[in-house]
């Protein structure tokens, strides 16, 4: 998606804003499941187990829901000066690929520099001697940086107890983010920022691991 202003034939202005849709990940995978443990009265195993064992281990149902999605496309901005059209914002120049190999890197190392920031720079002035100089159009395309992927998973274990003919007690254990996986937010995309390329926040949809117990009485 790189645009070269010096070559309008092979890179026409009509393609300057061509690129992936902002904030739209390329891959999204949702899943959910419901599974009844095959242990307890009326099940494959434990049909003749003692009542106390069946009460503790039999009849449990496991369920869960999760999402995994790839990172969203991000655009590197210049951060200072305006473009020749007078727009308040301008893109940076892209002088190299900019992708960084994250293999073997810790979460802190990824957050310190998500991509190769040396591949981007603030565009030069059209006329530096002008009273209010404007900058050239940045050559960085739309969505040339892909942000961190996102993963979330919640699990539930529940069991029904028949207290009497008319009463049923349901016990639920809900675990949100059981793996306590930290999800990174997007990096700073301002080429003139001292934190350019760094990730300083977690994903806004990230929640730390938490456990919730619930009781429900049907009558």
N, C-alpha and C. Protein backbone atom coordinates (compact mmCIF):
# COMPACT_ATOMS: atom_id res chain seq x y z
N UNK A 1 0.80 -1.19 0.00
CA UNK A 1 0.00 0.00 0.00
C UNK A 1 0.85 1.27 0.00
N UNK A 2 2.15 1.14 -0.17
CA UNK A 2 3.01 2.31 -0.14
C UNK A 2 2.77 3.19 -1.36
N UNK A 3 2.75 4.48 -1.14
CA UNK A 3 2.52 5.45 -2.22
C UNK A 3 3.76 6.30 -2.42
N UNK A 4 4.19 6.45 -3.64
CA UNK A 4 5.34 7.28 -3.98
C UNK A 4 4.86 8.50 -4.76
N UNK A 5 4.94 9.68 -4.14
CA UNK A 5 4.44 10.89 -4.79
C UNK A 5 5.19 11.22 -6.07
N UNK A 6 6.41 10.73 -6.19
CA UNK A 6 7.22 11.04 -7.37
C UNK A 6 6.86 10.17 -8.57
N UNK A 7 5.96 9.22 -8.39
CA UNK A 7 5.62 8.31 -9.47
C UNK A 7 4.10 8.21 -9.61
N UNK A 8 3.42 9.27 -10.11
CA UNK A 8 1.97 9.30 -10.16
C UNK A 8 1.37 8.33 -11.16
N UNK A 9 2.18 7.80 -12.09
CA UNK A 9 1.63 6.88 -13.09
C UNK A 9 1.37 5.51 -12.49
N UNK A 10 2.40 4.95 -11.82
CA UNK A 10 2.24 3.62 -11.24
C UNK A 10 1.55 3.66 -9.89
N UNK A 11 1.52 4.85 -9.25
CA UNK A 11 0.87 5.00 -7.96
C UNK A 11 -0.05 6.22 -8.01
N UNK A 12 -1.19 6.14 -8.69
CA UNK A 12 -2.08 7.29 -8.83
C UNK A 12 -2.64 7.75 -7.50
N UNK A 13 -3.06 9.03 -7.45
CA UNK A 13 -3.61 9.58 -6.23
C UNK A 13 -4.86 8.84 -5.78
N UNK A 14 -5.55 8.22 -6.73
CA UNK A 14 -6.77 7.50 -6.37
C UNK A 14 -6.49 6.31 -5.46
N UNK A 15 -5.24 5.84 -5.42
CA UNK A 15 -4.89 4.70 -4.58
C UNK A 15 -4.22 5.13 -3.28
N UNK A 16 -4.15 6.44 -3.05
CA UNK A 16 -3.47 6.92 -1.86
C UNK A 16 -4.17 6.46 -0.59
N UNK A 17 -5.48 6.37 -0.62
CA UNK A 17 -6.25 5.94 0.54
C UNK A 17 -6.71 4.50 0.42
N UNK A 18 -6.12 3.74 -0.49
CA UNK A 18 -6.49 2.34 -0.65
C UNK A 18 -5.77 1.51 0.41
N UNK A 19 -6.52 0.62 1.05
CA UNK A 19 -5.92 -0.23 2.07
C UNK A 19 -6.98 -0.94 2.86
N UNK A 20 -6.58 -1.73 3.84
CA UNK A 20 -7.56 -2.47 4.67
C UNK A 20 -8.41 -1.51 5.49
N UNK A 21 -9.60 -1.96 5.84
CA UNK A 21 -10.52 -1.15 6.62
C UNK A 21 -9.97 -0.98 8.03
N UNK A 22 -9.96 0.26 8.49
CA UNK A 22 -9.43 0.54 9.83
C UNK A 22 -10.27 -0.16 10.90
N UNK A 23 -9.58 -0.64 11.93
CA UNK A 23 -10.22 -1.29 13.09
C UNK A 23 -10.99 -2.54 12.72
N UNK A 24 -10.69 -3.15 11.57
CA UNK A 24 -11.37 -4.38 11.16
C UNK A 24 -10.33 -5.49 11.02
N UNK A 25 -10.27 -6.42 11.98
CA UNK A 25 -9.27 -7.50 11.89
C UNK A 25 -9.52 -8.40 10.68
N UNK A 26 -8.45 -8.97 10.18
CA UNK A 26 -8.55 -9.84 9.00
C UNK A 26 -9.19 -11.17 9.34
N UNK A 27 -8.90 -11.70 10.53
CA UNK A 27 -9.43 -13.00 10.93
C UNK A 27 -10.12 -12.87 12.29
N UNK A 28 -11.32 -13.44 12.39
CA UNK A 28 -12.07 -13.47 13.65
C UNK A 28 -12.64 -14.88 13.82
N UNK A 29 -12.39 -15.48 14.97
CA UNK A 29 -12.88 -16.82 15.24
C UNK A 29 -13.60 -16.84 16.58
N UNK A 30 -14.90 -17.15 16.57
CA UNK A 30 -15.69 -17.27 17.79
C UNK A 30 -16.03 -18.75 18.00
N UNK A 31 -16.10 -19.18 19.25
CA UNK A 31 -16.51 -20.55 19.52
C UNK A 31 -17.24 -20.60 20.86
N UNK A 32 -18.06 -21.65 20.99
CA UNK A 32 -18.71 -21.93 22.27
C UNK A 32 -18.98 -23.42 22.34
N UNK A 33 -19.19 -23.94 23.52
CA UNK A 33 -19.41 -25.38 23.69
C UNK A 33 -20.22 -25.63 24.96
N UNK A 34 -20.87 -26.78 24.98
CA UNK A 34 -21.57 -27.28 26.16
C UNK A 34 -21.25 -28.77 26.26
N UNK A 35 -20.78 -29.21 27.41
CA UNK A 35 -20.37 -30.61 27.57
C UNK A 35 -20.81 -31.11 28.94
N UNK A 36 -21.54 -32.23 28.93
CA UNK A 36 -21.95 -32.86 30.18
C UNK A 36 -20.96 -33.98 30.52
N UNK A 37 -20.37 -33.90 31.70
CA UNK A 37 -19.42 -34.93 32.11
C UNK A 37 -20.12 -36.29 32.21
N UNK A 38 -19.55 -37.33 31.61
CA UNK A 38 -20.20 -38.64 31.59
C UNK A 38 -20.03 -39.42 32.89
N UNK A 39 -20.31 -38.76 34.00
CA UNK A 39 -20.16 -39.42 35.30
C UNK A 39 -21.36 -39.08 36.18
N UNK A 40 -21.89 -40.11 36.83
CA UNK A 40 -23.01 -39.91 37.73
C UNK A 40 -24.19 -40.78 37.35
N UNK A 41 -25.28 -40.64 38.06
CA UNK A 41 -26.46 -41.44 37.82
C UNK A 41 -26.98 -41.22 36.40
N UNK A 42 -27.26 -42.32 35.69
CA UNK A 42 -27.79 -42.23 34.34
C UNK A 42 -26.75 -41.92 33.29
N UNK A 43 -25.45 -41.96 33.64
CA UNK A 43 -24.40 -41.64 32.68
C UNK A 43 -23.48 -42.85 32.49
N UNK A 44 -22.49 -42.68 31.61
CA UNK A 44 -21.67 -43.82 31.22
C UNK A 44 -20.90 -44.40 32.39
N UNK A 45 -20.33 -43.52 33.21
CA UNK A 45 -19.56 -43.98 34.36
C UNK A 45 -20.20 -43.46 35.65
N UNK A 46 -19.99 -44.20 36.71
CA UNK A 46 -20.46 -43.77 38.02
C UNK A 46 -21.94 -43.94 38.25
N UNK A 47 -22.60 -44.78 37.45
CA UNK A 47 -24.04 -44.96 37.61
C UNK A 47 -24.39 -45.57 38.95
N UNK A 48 -23.50 -46.37 39.50
CA UNK A 48 -23.76 -47.02 40.79
C UNK A 48 -22.90 -46.43 41.90
N UNK A 49 -22.39 -45.23 41.70
CA UNK A 49 -21.54 -44.59 42.71
C UNK A 49 -22.36 -44.27 43.95
N UNK A 50 -21.74 -44.23 45.12
CA UNK A 50 -22.45 -43.84 46.34
C UNK A 50 -23.06 -42.45 46.21
N UNK A 51 -24.10 -42.21 46.98
CA UNK A 51 -24.84 -40.95 46.85
C UNK A 51 -23.95 -39.74 47.10
N UNK A 52 -23.06 -39.81 48.08
CA UNK A 52 -22.19 -38.67 48.38
C UNK A 52 -21.22 -38.39 47.24
N UNK A 53 -20.72 -39.48 46.59
CA UNK A 53 -19.81 -39.31 45.46
C UNK A 53 -20.54 -38.71 44.28
N UNK A 54 -21.75 -39.19 44.02
CA UNK A 54 -22.53 -38.65 42.92
C UNK A 54 -22.87 -37.18 43.16
N UNK A 55 -23.14 -36.84 44.42
CA UNK A 55 -23.47 -35.45 44.73
C UNK A 55 -22.29 -34.52 44.46
N UNK A 56 -21.07 -35.02 44.70
CA UNK A 56 -19.89 -34.18 44.52
C UNK A 56 -19.38 -34.17 43.08
N UNK A 57 -19.40 -35.33 42.42
CA UNK A 57 -18.75 -35.45 41.11
C UNK A 57 -19.72 -35.64 39.95
N UNK A 58 -20.90 -36.13 40.20
CA UNK A 58 -21.80 -36.46 39.11
C UNK A 58 -22.66 -35.29 38.65
N UNK A 59 -23.05 -35.34 37.38
CA UNK A 59 -24.01 -34.38 36.85
C UNK A 59 -23.49 -33.00 36.53
N UNK A 60 -22.18 -32.82 36.48
CA UNK A 60 -21.64 -31.49 36.18
C UNK A 60 -21.70 -31.22 34.67
N UNK A 61 -21.96 -29.99 34.34
CA UNK A 61 -22.01 -29.54 32.95
C UNK A 61 -21.00 -28.42 32.76
N UNK A 62 -20.15 -28.55 31.75
CA UNK A 62 -19.15 -27.54 31.44
C UNK A 62 -19.55 -26.80 30.18
N UNK A 63 -19.36 -25.50 30.17
CA UNK A 63 -19.64 -24.69 28.98
C UNK A 63 -18.66 -23.54 28.92
N UNK A 64 -18.54 -22.95 27.77
CA UNK A 64 -17.61 -21.84 27.62
C UNK A 64 -17.82 -21.10 26.32
N UNK A 65 -17.23 -19.92 26.24
CA UNK A 65 -17.32 -19.09 25.04
C UNK A 65 -16.00 -18.34 24.90
N UNK A 66 -15.55 -18.19 23.67
CA UNK A 66 -14.28 -17.51 23.46
C UNK A 66 -14.18 -16.85 22.11
N UNK A 67 -13.18 -16.00 21.98
CA UNK A 67 -12.92 -15.27 20.73
C UNK A 67 -11.43 -15.13 20.52
N UNK A 68 -10.99 -15.38 19.32
CA UNK A 68 -9.62 -15.04 18.91
C UNK A 68 -9.72 -14.23 17.63
N UNK A 69 -8.98 -13.13 17.57
CA UNK A 69 -8.95 -12.34 16.34
C UNK A 69 -7.56 -11.76 16.12
N UNK A 70 -7.22 -11.63 14.85
CA UNK A 70 -5.93 -11.05 14.50
C UNK A 70 -5.94 -9.56 14.78
N UNK A 71 -4.79 -8.94 14.71
CA UNK A 71 -4.69 -7.51 15.00
C UNK A 71 -5.37 -6.65 13.96
N UNK A 72 -5.70 -5.43 14.35
CA UNK A 72 -6.36 -4.50 13.43
C UNK A 72 -5.33 -3.70 12.65
N UNK A 73 -5.65 -3.31 11.40
CA UNK A 73 -4.73 -2.49 10.60
C UNK A 73 -4.62 -1.08 11.17
N UNK A 74 -3.39 -0.59 11.28
CA UNK A 74 -3.13 0.73 11.85
C UNK A 74 -2.34 1.58 10.85
N UNK A 75 -2.55 2.87 10.88
CA UNK A 75 -1.90 3.79 9.95
C UNK A 75 -0.96 4.72 10.72
N UNK A 76 0.26 4.86 10.24
CA UNK A 76 1.26 5.70 10.91
C UNK A 76 1.05 7.15 10.48
N UNK A 77 0.86 8.03 11.45
CA UNK A 77 0.64 9.45 11.17
C UNK A 77 1.91 10.24 11.47
N UNK A 78 2.02 11.43 10.81
CA UNK A 78 3.19 12.27 11.00
C UNK A 78 3.15 12.97 12.36
N UNK A 79 1.96 13.38 12.76
CA UNK A 79 1.82 13.96 14.09
C UNK A 79 2.06 15.45 14.17
N UNK A 80 2.86 16.01 13.28
CA UNK A 80 3.13 17.46 13.31
C UNK A 80 2.99 18.01 11.90
N UNK A 81 2.61 19.29 11.82
CA UNK A 81 2.49 19.95 10.53
C UNK A 81 1.26 19.49 9.77
N UNK A 82 0.89 20.22 8.77
CA UNK A 82 -0.26 19.87 7.96
C UNK A 82 0.18 19.47 6.56
N UNK A 83 -0.72 18.77 5.87
CA UNK A 83 -0.42 18.34 4.50
C UNK A 83 -0.65 19.50 3.54
N UNK A 84 -0.23 19.38 2.30
CA UNK A 84 -0.42 20.46 1.33
C UNK A 84 -1.88 20.85 1.13
N UNK A 85 -2.82 20.01 1.45
CA UNK A 85 -4.24 20.35 1.28
C UNK A 85 -4.76 21.17 2.45
N UNK A 86 -3.94 21.35 3.49
CA UNK A 86 -4.40 22.09 4.66
C UNK A 86 -5.02 21.22 5.71
N UNK A 87 -5.01 19.93 5.50
CA UNK A 87 -5.58 19.01 6.49
C UNK A 87 -4.79 19.10 7.79
N UNK A 88 -5.47 18.87 8.90
CA UNK A 88 -4.81 18.98 10.20
C UNK A 88 -3.84 17.83 10.45
N UNK A 89 -4.06 16.68 9.79
CA UNK A 89 -3.21 15.52 10.02
C UNK A 89 -2.57 15.06 8.72
N UNK A 90 -1.43 14.46 8.82
CA UNK A 90 -0.71 13.97 7.65
C UNK A 90 -0.07 12.64 8.03
N UNK A 91 0.14 11.80 7.05
CA UNK A 91 0.79 10.52 7.30
C UNK A 91 2.31 10.68 7.30
N UNK A 92 2.96 9.67 7.88
CA UNK A 92 4.41 9.65 7.87
C UNK A 92 4.92 9.14 6.53
N UNK A 93 6.21 9.31 6.29
CA UNK A 93 6.86 8.68 5.14
C UNK A 93 7.24 7.25 5.52
N UNK A 94 7.08 6.34 4.58
CA UNK A 94 7.50 4.96 4.80
C UNK A 94 8.71 4.68 3.92
N UNK A 95 9.83 4.36 4.55
CA UNK A 95 11.07 4.17 3.80
C UNK A 95 11.56 2.73 3.84
N UNK A 96 10.87 1.86 4.60
CA UNK A 96 11.22 0.44 4.67
C UNK A 96 9.97 -0.34 5.04
N UNK A 97 10.11 -1.66 5.11
CA UNK A 97 8.95 -2.50 5.37
C UNK A 97 8.34 -2.22 6.75
N UNK A 98 9.15 -2.24 7.79
CA UNK A 98 8.68 -1.87 9.11
C UNK A 98 8.20 -3.02 9.97
N UNK A 99 8.03 -4.20 9.40
CA UNK A 99 7.57 -5.32 10.23
C UNK A 99 8.71 -5.82 11.13
N UNK A 100 8.34 -6.34 12.30
CA UNK A 100 9.32 -6.84 13.26
C UNK A 100 8.98 -8.27 13.62
N UNK A 101 9.99 -9.12 13.65
CA UNK A 101 9.80 -10.51 14.02
C UNK A 101 9.64 -10.62 15.53
N UNK A 102 8.48 -11.10 15.97
CA UNK A 102 8.20 -11.21 17.40
C UNK A 102 8.56 -12.58 17.97
N UNK A 103 9.13 -13.45 17.17
CA UNK A 103 9.46 -14.80 17.63
C UNK A 103 10.46 -14.74 18.79
N UNK A 104 10.14 -15.40 19.89
CA UNK A 104 11.04 -15.46 21.02
C UNK A 104 11.07 -14.23 21.90
N UNK A 105 10.26 -13.22 21.59
CA UNK A 105 10.25 -12.00 22.38
C UNK A 105 9.25 -12.12 23.53
N UNK A 106 9.59 -11.52 24.65
CA UNK A 106 8.67 -11.49 25.78
C UNK A 106 7.61 -10.44 25.53
N UNK A 107 6.58 -10.44 26.38
CA UNK A 107 5.51 -9.46 26.25
C UNK A 107 6.04 -8.05 26.44
N UNK A 108 6.98 -7.88 27.36
CA UNK A 108 7.56 -6.55 27.60
C UNK A 108 8.37 -6.08 26.40
N UNK A 109 9.10 -6.99 25.77
CA UNK A 109 9.90 -6.62 24.60
C UNK A 109 9.01 -6.23 23.43
N UNK A 110 7.90 -6.93 23.27
CA UNK A 110 6.96 -6.57 22.20
C UNK A 110 6.36 -5.19 22.46
N UNK A 111 6.00 -4.94 23.71
CA UNK A 111 5.38 -3.66 24.05
C UNK A 111 6.35 -2.50 23.91
N UNK A 112 7.64 -2.75 24.13
CA UNK A 112 8.64 -1.69 24.05
C UNK A 112 8.80 -1.18 22.62
N UNK A 113 8.70 -2.09 21.64
CA UNK A 113 8.77 -1.69 20.23
C UNK A 113 8.01 -2.71 19.40
N UNK A 114 6.78 -2.37 19.06
CA UNK A 114 5.92 -3.32 18.36
C UNK A 114 6.34 -3.52 16.91
N UNK A 115 6.83 -2.47 16.27
CA UNK A 115 7.29 -2.55 14.87
C UNK A 115 8.56 -1.72 14.72
N UNK A 116 9.19 -1.85 13.57
CA UNK A 116 10.45 -1.14 13.31
C UNK A 116 10.15 0.32 13.03
N UNK A 117 10.34 1.16 14.01
CA UNK A 117 10.01 2.59 13.87
C UNK A 117 10.95 3.32 12.92
N UNK A 118 12.13 2.75 12.66
CA UNK A 118 13.06 3.41 11.74
C UNK A 118 12.57 3.36 10.29
N UNK A 119 11.52 2.58 10.04
CA UNK A 119 10.96 2.50 8.69
C UNK A 119 10.04 3.67 8.38
N UNK A 120 9.78 4.52 9.38
CA UNK A 120 8.87 5.65 9.18
C UNK A 120 9.53 6.94 9.67
N UNK A 121 9.20 8.04 9.01
CA UNK A 121 9.73 9.34 9.42
C UNK A 121 8.74 10.44 9.08
N UNK A 122 8.90 11.58 9.71
CA UNK A 122 8.03 12.73 9.44
C UNK A 122 8.40 13.30 8.07
N UNK A 123 7.42 13.57 7.19
CA UNK A 123 7.72 14.09 5.84
C UNK A 123 8.44 15.43 5.88
N UNK A 124 9.23 15.68 4.86
CA UNK A 124 9.95 16.95 4.74
C UNK A 124 8.99 18.07 4.37
N UNK A 125 9.46 19.32 4.53
CA UNK A 125 8.66 20.49 4.16
C UNK A 125 8.64 20.66 2.64
N UNK A 126 7.53 21.17 2.15
CA UNK A 126 7.45 21.52 0.73
C UNK A 126 8.39 22.68 0.46
N UNK A 127 8.33 23.71 1.31
CA UNK A 127 9.23 24.86 1.22
C UNK A 127 9.56 25.28 2.65
N UNK A 128 10.72 24.86 3.09
CA UNK A 128 11.10 25.12 4.48
C UNK A 128 11.28 26.59 4.77
N UNK A 129 11.48 27.44 3.75
CA UNK A 129 11.70 28.87 3.96
C UNK A 129 10.40 29.65 4.05
N UNK A 130 9.27 29.01 3.80
CA UNK A 130 7.99 29.70 3.87
C UNK A 130 7.68 30.12 5.31
N UNK A 131 6.82 31.17 5.45
CA UNK A 131 6.48 31.67 6.78
C UNK A 131 5.76 30.59 7.59
N UNK A 132 4.83 29.90 6.96
CA UNK A 132 4.13 28.78 7.60
C UNK A 132 4.28 27.56 6.71
N UNK A 133 5.42 26.90 6.76
CA UNK A 133 5.71 25.81 5.82
C UNK A 133 4.78 24.61 6.04
N UNK A 134 4.39 24.03 4.94
CA UNK A 134 3.59 22.80 4.99
C UNK A 134 4.49 21.62 4.63
N UNK A 135 4.07 20.44 5.03
CA UNK A 135 4.85 19.24 4.76
C UNK A 135 4.31 18.50 3.54
N UNK A 136 5.17 17.76 2.91
CA UNK A 136 4.76 16.94 1.78
C UNK A 136 3.80 15.84 2.24
N UNK A 137 3.04 15.30 1.29
CA UNK A 137 2.19 14.16 1.62
C UNK A 137 3.07 13.00 2.09
N UNK A 138 2.69 12.38 3.19
CA UNK A 138 3.42 11.20 3.65
C UNK A 138 3.18 10.03 2.71
N UNK A 139 4.17 9.21 2.54
CA UNK A 139 4.07 8.09 1.60
C UNK A 139 3.57 6.80 2.24
N UNK A 140 3.38 6.79 3.56
CA UNK A 140 2.91 5.57 4.23
C UNK A 140 1.48 5.28 3.83
N UNK A 141 1.22 4.04 3.46
CA UNK A 141 -0.12 3.64 3.07
C UNK A 141 -1.04 3.45 4.26
N UNK A 142 -2.28 3.13 3.96
CA UNK A 142 -3.27 2.89 5.00
C UNK A 142 -3.10 1.47 5.56
N UNK A 143 -3.06 1.35 6.87
CA UNK A 143 -3.02 0.03 7.50
C UNK A 143 -1.74 -0.74 7.28
N UNK A 144 -0.60 -0.08 7.23
CA UNK A 144 0.67 -0.78 6.99
C UNK A 144 1.21 -1.49 8.23
N UNK A 145 0.65 -1.17 9.39
CA UNK A 145 1.05 -1.83 10.64
C UNK A 145 -0.15 -2.61 11.18
N UNK A 146 0.08 -3.83 11.61
CA UNK A 146 -0.99 -4.65 12.20
C UNK A 146 -0.77 -4.72 13.70
N UNK A 147 -1.80 -4.37 14.46
CA UNK A 147 -1.69 -4.34 15.91
C UNK A 147 -1.71 -5.74 16.52
N UNK A 148 -1.62 -5.84 17.84
CA UNK A 148 -1.62 -7.14 18.53
C UNK A 148 -2.94 -7.88 18.35
N UNK A 149 -2.85 -9.20 18.34
CA UNK A 149 -4.05 -10.02 18.27
C UNK A 149 -4.77 -9.99 19.62
N UNK A 150 -5.99 -10.52 19.65
CA UNK A 150 -6.79 -10.49 20.87
C UNK A 150 -7.39 -11.86 21.12
N UNK A 151 -7.38 -12.27 22.39
CA UNK A 151 -7.93 -13.56 22.78
C UNK A 151 -8.71 -13.40 24.07
N UNK A 152 -9.90 -13.98 24.13
CA UNK A 152 -10.69 -13.97 25.35
C UNK A 152 -11.40 -15.30 25.50
N UNK A 153 -11.55 -15.74 26.74
CA UNK A 153 -12.19 -17.03 27.00
C UNK A 153 -12.82 -17.02 28.39
N UNK A 154 -14.06 -17.46 28.48
CA UNK A 154 -14.77 -17.57 29.75
C UNK A 154 -15.35 -18.98 29.86
N UNK A 155 -15.32 -19.55 31.06
CA UNK A 155 -15.79 -20.92 31.27
C UNK A 155 -16.77 -20.97 32.43
N UNK A 156 -17.69 -21.93 32.36
CA UNK A 156 -18.72 -22.11 33.39
C UNK A 156 -18.83 -23.60 33.71
N UNK A 157 -18.92 -23.92 35.00
CA UNK A 157 -19.24 -25.27 35.47
C UNK A 157 -20.49 -25.17 36.33
N UNK A 158 -21.48 -26.00 36.05
CA UNK A 158 -22.72 -25.92 36.80
C UNK A 158 -23.28 -27.32 37.07
N UNK A 159 -24.06 -27.42 38.13
CA UNK A 159 -24.66 -28.69 38.53
C UNK A 159 -26.01 -28.41 39.19
N UNK A 160 -26.99 -29.27 38.90
CA UNK A 160 -28.32 -29.15 39.46
C UNK A 160 -28.51 -30.18 40.59
N UNK A 161 -29.06 -29.73 41.69
CA UNK A 161 -29.38 -30.59 42.82
C UNK A 161 -30.90 -30.59 43.01
N UNK A 162 -31.49 -31.75 43.03
CA UNK A 162 -32.92 -31.86 43.29
C UNK A 162 -33.11 -32.00 44.80
N UNK A 163 -33.45 -30.89 45.42
CA UNK A 163 -33.60 -30.86 46.87
C UNK A 163 -34.87 -31.60 47.29
N UNK A 164 -35.94 -31.40 46.58
CA UNK A 164 -37.21 -32.09 46.82
C UNK A 164 -37.94 -32.15 45.49
N UNK A 165 -39.14 -32.68 45.52
CA UNK A 165 -39.87 -32.84 44.26
C UNK A 165 -40.12 -31.50 43.57
N UNK A 166 -40.33 -30.45 44.33
CA UNK A 166 -40.65 -29.16 43.75
C UNK A 166 -39.47 -28.21 43.68
N UNK A 167 -38.36 -28.56 44.28
CA UNK A 167 -37.25 -27.61 44.38
C UNK A 167 -36.01 -28.15 43.65
N UNK A 168 -35.36 -27.24 42.94
CA UNK A 168 -34.11 -27.58 42.26
C UNK A 168 -33.11 -26.46 42.51
N UNK A 169 -31.94 -26.83 42.99
CA UNK A 169 -30.89 -25.87 43.28
C UNK A 169 -29.77 -26.01 42.25
N UNK A 170 -29.43 -24.91 41.62
CA UNK A 170 -28.34 -24.91 40.63
C UNK A 170 -27.14 -24.17 41.20
N UNK A 171 -25.98 -24.83 41.14
CA UNK A 171 -24.72 -24.23 41.57
C UNK A 171 -23.89 -23.92 40.33
N UNK A 172 -23.40 -22.68 40.24
CA UNK A 172 -22.61 -22.25 39.07
C UNK A 172 -21.27 -21.67 39.53
N UNK A 173 -20.23 -22.06 38.82
CA UNK A 173 -18.91 -21.48 39.01
C UNK A 173 -18.49 -20.86 37.68
N UNK A 174 -18.39 -19.56 37.62
CA UNK A 174 -18.04 -18.84 36.39
C UNK A 174 -16.63 -18.28 36.52
N UNK A 175 -15.80 -18.58 35.54
CA UNK A 175 -14.42 -18.10 35.55
C UNK A 175 -14.19 -17.28 34.29
N UNK A 176 -13.89 -16.02 34.46
CA UNK A 176 -13.61 -15.13 33.35
C UNK A 176 -12.10 -15.00 33.17
N UNK A 177 -11.63 -15.22 31.95
CA UNK A 177 -10.20 -15.22 31.63
C UNK A 177 -9.43 -16.15 32.56
N UNK A 178 -9.76 -17.45 32.55
CA UNK A 178 -9.12 -18.39 33.49
C UNK A 178 -7.61 -18.48 33.33
N UNK A 179 -7.08 -18.22 32.14
CA UNK A 179 -5.64 -18.28 31.93
C UNK A 179 -4.95 -16.97 32.30
N UNK A 180 -5.74 -15.96 32.64
CA UNK A 180 -5.21 -14.64 33.01
C UNK A 180 -4.24 -14.11 31.96
N UNK A 181 -4.60 -14.31 30.70
CA UNK A 181 -3.75 -13.89 29.58
C UNK A 181 -3.86 -12.38 29.38
N UNK A 182 -2.72 -11.69 29.44
CA UNK A 182 -2.70 -10.24 29.25
C UNK A 182 -2.75 -9.92 27.76
N UNK A 183 -3.66 -9.03 27.37
CA UNK A 183 -3.82 -8.65 25.97
C UNK A 183 -3.33 -7.20 25.77
N UNK A 184 -2.39 -7.02 24.86
CA UNK A 184 -1.82 -5.70 24.62
C UNK A 184 -2.77 -4.83 23.80
N UNK A 185 -2.73 -3.52 24.08
CA UNK A 185 -3.45 -2.56 23.26
C UNK A 185 -2.65 -2.21 22.02
N UNK A 186 -3.07 -1.20 21.29
CA UNK A 186 -2.37 -0.79 20.08
C UNK A 186 -1.19 0.12 20.41
N UNK A 187 -0.16 0.11 19.57
CA UNK A 187 1.01 0.97 19.82
C UNK A 187 0.72 2.42 19.47
N UNK A 188 1.61 3.30 19.92
CA UNK A 188 1.55 4.72 19.57
C UNK A 188 1.91 4.85 18.09
N UNK A 189 1.01 5.43 17.30
CA UNK A 189 1.20 5.51 15.86
C UNK A 189 1.60 6.90 15.39
N UNK A 190 2.05 7.75 16.29
CA UNK A 190 2.48 9.10 15.97
C UNK A 190 3.99 9.13 15.77
N UNK A 191 4.44 9.35 14.53
CA UNK A 191 5.87 9.28 14.20
C UNK A 191 6.69 10.36 14.90
N UNK A 192 6.05 11.41 15.40
CA UNK A 192 6.78 12.47 16.09
C UNK A 192 6.70 12.34 17.60
N UNK A 193 6.06 11.27 18.08
CA UNK A 193 5.91 11.07 19.52
C UNK A 193 7.15 10.40 20.11
N UNK A 194 7.53 10.76 21.33
CA UNK A 194 8.67 10.07 21.98
C UNK A 194 8.36 8.61 22.29
N UNK A 195 7.09 8.24 22.27
CA UNK A 195 6.69 6.85 22.53
C UNK A 195 6.27 6.14 21.24
N UNK A 196 6.71 6.63 20.12
CA UNK A 196 6.34 6.06 18.83
C UNK A 196 6.68 4.57 18.78
N UNK A 197 5.69 3.74 18.44
CA UNK A 197 5.89 2.30 18.32
C UNK A 197 5.74 1.54 19.61
N UNK A 198 5.57 2.23 20.74
CA UNK A 198 5.45 1.56 22.03
C UNK A 198 3.98 1.30 22.38
N UNK A 199 3.77 0.24 23.15
CA UNK A 199 2.44 -0.07 23.66
C UNK A 199 2.44 0.21 25.15
N UNK A 200 1.59 1.11 25.59
CA UNK A 200 1.59 1.53 26.99
C UNK A 200 0.31 1.15 27.73
N UNK A 201 -0.63 0.54 27.03
CA UNK A 201 -1.89 0.17 27.67
C UNK A 201 -2.28 -1.24 27.24
N UNK A 202 -3.13 -1.86 28.02
CA UNK A 202 -3.70 -3.15 27.63
C UNK A 202 -4.90 -2.93 26.74
N UNK A 203 -5.35 -3.98 26.08
CA UNK A 203 -6.53 -3.89 25.23
C UNK A 203 -7.73 -3.45 26.08
N UNK A 204 -8.54 -2.50 25.59
CA UNK A 204 -9.68 -2.03 26.40
C UNK A 204 -10.69 -3.12 26.72
N UNK A 205 -10.68 -4.22 25.96
CA UNK A 205 -11.60 -5.33 26.22
C UNK A 205 -11.00 -6.39 27.14
N UNK A 206 -9.78 -6.15 27.61
CA UNK A 206 -9.12 -7.12 28.49
C UNK A 206 -9.63 -6.97 29.92
N UNK A 207 -9.90 -8.09 30.55
CA UNK A 207 -10.27 -8.11 31.97
C UNK A 207 -9.42 -9.16 32.68
N UNK A 208 -8.89 -8.84 33.85
CA UNK A 208 -8.09 -9.83 34.60
C UNK A 208 -8.97 -11.02 35.00
N UNK A 209 -8.31 -12.11 35.36
CA UNK A 209 -9.04 -13.30 35.78
C UNK A 209 -9.91 -13.01 36.99
N UNK A 210 -11.13 -13.49 36.94
CA UNK A 210 -12.04 -13.34 38.07
C UNK A 210 -12.94 -14.57 38.15
N UNK A 211 -13.36 -14.90 39.38
CA UNK A 211 -14.21 -16.07 39.63
C UNK A 211 -15.50 -15.61 40.30
N UNK A 212 -16.59 -16.13 39.81
CA UNK A 212 -17.90 -15.75 40.34
C UNK A 212 -18.70 -16.98 40.68
N UNK A 213 -19.25 -17.05 41.88
CA UNK A 213 -20.07 -18.16 42.32
C UNK A 213 -21.53 -17.74 42.33
N UNK A 214 -22.41 -18.65 41.91
CA UNK A 214 -23.82 -18.33 41.86
C UNK A 214 -24.70 -19.49 42.30
N UNK A 215 -25.83 -19.17 42.91
CA UNK A 215 -26.82 -20.14 43.33
C UNK A 215 -28.17 -19.73 42.76
N UNK A 216 -28.92 -20.72 42.26
CA UNK A 216 -30.24 -20.44 41.72
C UNK A 216 -31.21 -21.51 42.22
N UNK A 217 -32.31 -21.06 42.77
CA UNK A 217 -33.31 -21.96 43.31
C UNK A 217 -34.57 -21.88 42.45
N UNK A 218 -34.97 -23.01 41.86
CA UNK A 218 -36.20 -23.10 41.08
C UNK A 218 -37.25 -23.84 41.91
N UNK A 219 -38.47 -23.29 41.92
CA UNK A 219 -39.54 -23.95 42.66
C UNK A 219 -40.89 -23.66 42.00
